[in-house]
Amino acid sequence: MAAWTTGAWLGRHRRGSRWALPLSIAGGALAIVALALVLLPPDVDVPGQASYTYGYGDAFALAILAPFAFAIGIALCQTLAFVAARRARARLLG
């Protein structure tokens, strides 16, 4: 939503979507946080149940998948900003 709004604003002011890059970097960081919440959910203690695991595979998976999530977040934000800017410029011209 923020990328679309920023792209529309940039289009109305005749600027390219590259100006939305700081927002896109923040979007990439949010994609990493979302991936971390999916892979490493908060522990829930169930009374009377003692189950311990010593696995750390999820942390390795997060370390491997984080750069991909970052790139996908940036690409998604930049694409949304580009499309919104293009539509806003088209409305200004015609």
C-alpha atoms as a PDB file:
ATOM      1  CA  MET A   1       0.000   0.000   0.000  1.00  0.00           C
ATOM      2  CA  ALA A   2       2.764   2.453   0.881  1.00  0.00           C
ATOM      3  CA  ALA A   3       4.648   1.630  -2.332  1.00  0.00           C
ATOM      4  CA  TRP A   4       1.520   2.215  -4.424  1.00  0.00           C
ATOM      5  CA  THR A   5       0.796   5.538  -2.719  1.00  0.00           C
ATOM      6  CA  THR A   6       4.406   6.652  -3.068  1.00  0.00           C
ATOM      7  CA  GLY A   7       4.441   5.653  -6.736  1.00  0.00           C
ATOM      8  CA  ALA A   8       1.270   7.616  -7.404  1.00  0.00           C
ATOM      9  CA  TRP A   9       2.731  10.662  -5.659  1.00  0.00           C
ATOM     10  CA  LEU A  10       5.942  10.344  -7.661  1.00  0.00           C
ATOM     11  CA  GLY A  11       3.988  10.031 -10.894  1.00  0.00           C
ATOM     12  CA  ARG A  12       1.979  13.164 -10.162  1.00  0.00           C
ATOM     13  CA  HIS A  13       5.242  15.020  -9.550  1.00  0.00           C
ATOM     14  CA  ARG A  14       6.821  13.547 -12.707  1.00  0.00           C
ATOM     15  CA  ARG A  15       9.507  11.576 -10.932  1.00  0.00           C
ATOM     16  CA  GLY A  16      10.645   8.038 -11.643  1.00  0.00           C
ATOM     17  CA  SER A  17      10.033   5.053  -9.416  1.00  0.00           C
ATOM     18  CA  ARG A  18      13.723   4.946  -8.484  1.00  0.00           C
ATOM     19  CA  TRP A  19      12.880   7.646  -5.927  1.00  0.00           C
ATOM     20  CA  ALA A  20      10.912   4.958  -4.078  1.00  0.00           C
ATOM     21  CA  LEU A  21      14.067   2.929  -3.447  1.00  0.00           C
ATOM     22  CA  PRO A  22      14.379   3.834   0.276  1.00  0.00           C
ATOM     23  CA  LEU A  23      10.800   2.666   0.782  1.00  0.00           C
ATOM     24  CA  SER A  24      11.586  -0.484  -1.193  1.00  0.00           C
ATOM     25  CA  ILE A  25      14.547  -1.249   1.058  1.00  0.00           C
ATOM     26  CA  ALA A  26      12.227  -0.947   4.049  1.00  0.00           C
ATOM     27  CA  GLY A  27       9.830  -3.302   2.264  1.00  0.00           C
ATOM     28  CA  GLY A  28      12.642  -5.803   1.811  1.00  0.00           C
ATOM     29  CA  ALA A  29      13.457  -5.601   5.510  1.00  0.00           C
ATOM     30  CA  LEU A  30       9.797  -6.189   6.353  1.00  0.00           C
ATOM     31  CA  ALA A  31       9.829  -9.266   4.116  1.00  0.00           C
ATOM     32  CA  ILE A  32      12.731 -10.657   6.170  1.00  0.00           C
ATOM     33  CA  VAL A  33      10.822  -9.977   9.400  1.00  0.00           C
ATOM     34  CA  ALA A  34       7.750 -11.753   8.011  1.00  0.00           C
ATOM     35  CA  LEU A  35       9.893 -14.726   6.981  1.00  0.00           C
ATOM     36  CA  ALA A  36      11.441 -14.834  10.469  1.00  0.00           C
ATOM     37  CA  LEU A  37       7.999 -14.876  12.073  1.00  0.00           C
ATOM     38  CA  VAL A  38       6.975 -17.752   9.833  1.00  0.00           C
ATOM     39  CA  LEU A  39      10.125 -19.808  10.361  1.00  0.00           C
ATOM     40  CA  LEU A  40      10.739 -18.950  14.015  1.00  0.00           C
ATOM     41  CA  PRO A  41       7.351 -18.524  15.691  1.00  0.00           C
ATOM     42  CA  PRO A  42       7.263 -17.562  19.355  1.00  0.00           C
ATOM     43  CA  ASP A  43       7.423 -20.543  21.697  1.00  0.00           C
ATOM     44  CA  VAL A  44       4.240 -21.470  23.442  1.00  0.00           C
ATOM     45  CA  ASP A  45       4.499 -23.212  26.796  1.00  0.00           C
ATOM     46  CA  VAL A  46       1.880 -25.850  27.342  1.00  0.00           C
ATOM     47  CA  PRO A  47       1.583 -26.740  31.021  1.00  0.00           C
ATOM     48  CA  GLY A  48       2.418 -30.353  31.799  1.00  0.00           C
ATOM     49  CA  GLN A  49       4.196 -30.912  28.524  1.00  0.00           C
ATOM     50  CA  ALA A  50       7.957 -31.058  28.376  1.00  0.00           C
ATOM     51  CA  SER A  51       9.185 -31.271  24.847  1.00  0.00           C
ATOM     52  CA  TYR A  52      12.631 -29.977  24.134  1.00  0.00           C
ATOM     53  CA  THR A  53      14.245 -29.792  20.752  1.00  0.00           C
ATOM     54  CA  TYR A  54      17.789 -28.831  20.061  1.00  0.00           C
ATOM     55  CA  GLY A  55      17.361 -28.239  16.358  1.00  0.00           C
ATOM     56  CA  TYR A  56      18.674 -25.092  14.808  1.00  0.00           C
ATOM     57  CA  GLY A  57      17.698 -25.824  11.233  1.00  0.00           C
ATOM     58  CA  ASP A  58      15.126 -23.041  11.186  1.00  0.00           C
ATOM     59  CA  ALA A  59      17.807 -20.454  11.925  1.00  0.00           C
ATOM     60  CA  PHE A  60      19.931 -21.784   9.068  1.00  0.00           C
ATOM     61  CA  ALA A  61      16.912 -21.749   6.762  1.00  0.00           C
ATOM     62  CA  LEU A  62      16.274 -18.140   7.738  1.00  0.00           C
ATOM     63  CA  ALA A  63      19.901 -17.219   7.051  1.00  0.00           C
ATOM     64  CA  ILE A  64      19.726 -18.842   3.621  1.00  0.00           C
ATOM     65  CA  LEU A  65      16.296 -17.501   2.637  1.00  0.00           C
ATOM     66  CA  ALA A  66      16.686 -13.952   4.018  1.00  0.00           C
ATOM     67  CA  PRO A  67      18.539 -12.538   0.977  1.00  0.00           C
ATOM     68  CA  PHE A  68      15.869 -13.939  -1.330  1.00  0.00           C
ATOM     69  CA  ALA A  69      13.089 -12.466   0.804  1.00  0.00           C
ATOM     70  CA  PHE A  70      14.901  -9.114   0.803  1.00  0.00           C
ATOM     71  CA  ALA A  71      15.234  -9.130  -2.996  1.00  0.00           C
ATOM     72  CA  ILE A  72      11.599 -10.148  -3.480  1.00  0.00           C
ATOM     73  CA  GLY A  73      10.441  -7.387  -1.104  1.00  0.00           C
ATOM     74  CA  ILE A  74      12.455  -4.762  -2.979  1.00  0.00           C
ATOM     75  CA  ALA A  75      11.263  -6.012  -6.372  1.00  0.00           C
ATOM     76  CA  LEU A  76       7.635  -6.034  -5.271  1.00  0.00           C
ATOM     77  CA  CYS A  77       7.782  -2.501  -3.855  1.00  0.00           C
ATOM     78  CA  GLN A  78       9.605  -1.136  -6.907  1.00  0.00           C
ATOM     79  CA  THR A  79       7.120  -2.800  -9.265  1.00  0.00           C
ATOM     80  CA  LEU A  80       4.137  -1.369  -7.394  1.00  0.00           C
ATOM     81  CA  ALA A  81       5.710   2.101  -7.339  1.00  0.00           C
ATOM     82  CA  PHE A  82       6.505   1.887 -11.074  1.00  0.00           C
ATOM     83  CA  VAL A  83       2.975   0.861 -12.050  1.00  0.00           C
ATOM     84  CA  ALA A  84       1.370   3.498  -9.821  1.00  0.00           C
ATOM     85  CA  ALA A  85       3.692   6.226 -11.124  1.00  0.00           C
ATOM     86  CA  ARG A  86       2.957   5.240 -14.703  1.00  0.00           C
ATOM     87  CA  ARG A  87      -0.806   5.347 -14.112  1.00  0.00           C
ATOM     88  CA  ALA A  88      -0.564   8.727 -12.388  1.00  0.00           C
ATOM     89  CA  ARG A  89       1.465  10.170 -15.276  1.00  0.00           C
ATOM     90  CA  ALA A  90      -1.043   8.789 -17.776  1.00  0.00           C
ATOM     91  CA  ARG A  91      -3.878  10.535 -15.914  1.00  0.00           C
ATOM     92  CA  LEU A  92      -1.954  13.812 -16.027  1.00  0.00           C
ATOM     93  CA  LEU A  93      -1.421  13.562 -19.780  1.00  0.00           C
ATOM     94  CA  GLY A  94      -4.869  12.508 -20.796  1.00  0.00           C
END
